[in-house]
Amino acid sequence: NLQLQPGNITESVEVTAAAPLLQTDRADVGRSIETAAMANLPMGASRNFQTLLNLVPGTAPATWQHSQFFNSGGSLQTEVNGQGRQGNSYQIEGIDDNERTGLLQILIPPADAIQTVDVSTNNFNPELGRAAGGVTNVILKSGSNQVHGAAYEFLQNTDLDARAFFNAALGHVAYNYFGGNVGAPIKKNKLFIFADYLRVEDHEANTSLVTIPSLASRTGDLSAAPTVIYDPTTGLQNGTDAGRTPFPGNQIPTTRINGISTKILALVPGPTQTFNPASPSNNYFGALPFAKTQNSFDVKIDYNISDKDRLTGRFSYQRPVVFQAPLFGMAGGAGPGGAFMGTSVQKTYSVGINYNRVITPSLLTEVRLGVAHYNNQALPSDFGTNDATALGIPGVNLASDPFTSGIVGINLNGPFSNPFIGYSASLPWDRAEANIDMVNSWTKVMSNHTFKWGVDIRRVRDDLLQDQTYSPRGIYNFGTSQTSIVGAATSWGNDMASFLLDQPSSAGRDLDTYFPAYRDTWIFAFGGDTWQVSPKLTLNLGLRWEYYGPATPHFPGGFSNYDPYSNTLVLAGIGSNPSNLGMAAHYKHFAPRFGLSYRLTEKTVLRAGFGMSYTPFQDNTYAYNFPVRANNAYNTSATGNGYGPAVLGDGVTPATFAAGFPAPVPIVIPSSGIITPTGTLASSNFDVIPKDFNNTYVESWNLAVQRALPGHFTLDVAYVGNHGV
């Protein structure tokens, strides 16, 4: 008889390298970026996972957009298959991570906290949408029965950098990116935790090379100017009279130089670089302190309630603080990043709860709830001061409006860098957004069919108080015509002379009448079938329905739309005007999806597909016409023919420094909510949102062949096309 002897009890772990799996179960185009890629591929100093989107076919190189203040979270943007960057959609574990317009993302998770990044760029599954470009979903790491963790630091400093060719010196850089993470069981096989912490310390000396007036020109000596400087107090102000005489030798007597102009010039140091006096350029170099400090963390809890129930909760938080020193101290100037100088503080969080229930072996459901929110406040360095009043310019700094604090802006135009003094017209601002998501999806397996359907409801809130034309502090523009005559050549000398003589070509200030606050509800429904027709053929069939409700303002009057047919401005929620401005609701945004995947051989797969996708309204200007955004503008009078100085609202008084800004003209809101543009308002530009506005959509298709190659590689050859409307 055969005797069976017990063998040794052993346990082995075998690690093998295998060729990447062929994609045989779906027909979309995309990539899955795993933990190994996160750990081993270069992602630049910022360690932003979005740089790895460059590996996905059809994507343009990821780039930085906007200022450090507005994009303090450090998100990168890419274009997918030729579509605009606003057409992409980003999610963190299925929770919307997009700003309403799609310009930026709300929160960027640390690369070392990410498990997987799934990217679909064409013919998405029907549960994916709100995108004309690509859809990216980030999955964070989870805890397990084994304790695992990591600590890391990435460093960049001046010793590793090279000087820019045109800069006089190498700017200082000290960049430290450090943190750690840990995953562990709270209760074995049942409850797990993963947590990570990241701190970024970025200290730099940003270089600025700008053009400013020479010391000689500041005293009235404009003899180096190649054109004639005319005395604006002679002849007629329309510039056509021969009686307008030049200053002898292009020398303006010091007694004629405006006292406030002299005070402004005292705030600006002299040139530090050599230059041609007849054609000043790049004559001042400055290295300005820049600092960005960011603290962020993620906490994720996974709970196996039972064999049929699983609950996941996640909380992510970031707080970047950005400081950029101004070029000329509190006077601002044309510093780096378009004169965005001061401090920006952003508080960001993203929270999500995922619940999965296996009802039967062939039926399961998932419920997702989540919120992504940020609040960003950016202030110029001189916020809260009365610097304009201290210079002797009245009416700029209003006690009733902190946004008007600080120094007035000065633009010299010509070759000079602007603003000569002052800050970006976009500063200050206060912005907050919140995306609230509620999703329920179901999956049913029946024979060789896998059905999936569900509903996705999103509530969008977008509040943005920001001016971008003149700034709340206002600005004075100085040009060439005020010290020239019709037909004469002009140069920087005429710009400088206009400033010295206090002859502005235009002036103005923005008024804050409302706090623009956008509200909307989006509803998406979807259904699809993955049909395994045969061992070789898989069909993906789906239909998505998207509803973008007509937006409403948070406050009555918070939207203003221009009606070109009646030449009126219609204010939402005032009088008989509906809060949604009477915009049509569209219920026929159906987006079919079709795809097939066919295994030609064991090593070759053919895929093809077609799909439609819709996008939301992609701009910040939605119905924000007068009086939601308003300004008081002062230009030259009609009799001045553009050669006289700017005049105030009475059409006569010159808009000089000494005159300052009049009290803001009060805006009267009629009870009807209908405003007919008259006077200077009649010549303004208005945005029109058609009442039958329909969301843009893209039809996309693809044909791809995937082939397994020796050496654990696959080769993809794909044709991707799209047609946008």
Foldseek 3Di string as FASTA:
>chain_A
DDDDDDDDDDDDDDDDFFFDDDPAQFFFFWDKDFLVCLVPPDDPLVSFPVQCCVVGPQKDGWADDAFCQVVVQDFTFIFGNPDDRLQEWEEEQNHGQAAQQSPGGQHTDHSNFWGMKIKTAAQDAQVDFQGFGMYIYTYGDWAAADKDKDWDKDWDWQVPDDADPPAPDGKTWTKIKIWMKIKHAPDHPFKIKIKIKIKIKIKIFDKDFFWDAAPCVLQQQLLLEPFFFWDLVFDDLQQADPRTGTDVSSGDHSVLFDQLLNVLVVLDDHFDADARNHAITRRHMGGWIKIKIKIKMKMKMWGCPDPFKIKIKMKIKMKIKIATAAPRHLQRACDPRRQQHGMKIKIWMKIKMKMKGDPDPFKIKIKMKMKTKMKMWGAHRQQPAQVLVVSQFPDQDDPVDSQSHGHFFEALDFRGRPRRTDGALFPTKIKMKMKIKIKMKMWGDDDQKIKMKIKIKIKIKIWMDTGHDQHSSKYFYFDQLQGHHPPTDTHSSSSSVCSRNQFTQKMKHKDADDGQMKIWMKMKIKMWMFGCPDPFKTKIWMKMWIWTDQIFTPDWQNFWAADVVVQKIATDPFAPQHRSRLADTDGPRMKIKIKMWGDPDPFKIKIKIKIKHWHDNNDPQHRCDPPNIDMAMWHQAPSSNSNGGTAHPVNPHHCGSNNHHDHPDDDDQDRNRMGRQDDPSSVDDGDHDDSHDDTKMKMKMKIWMWGGDPPSYIDIDMDIDMDID
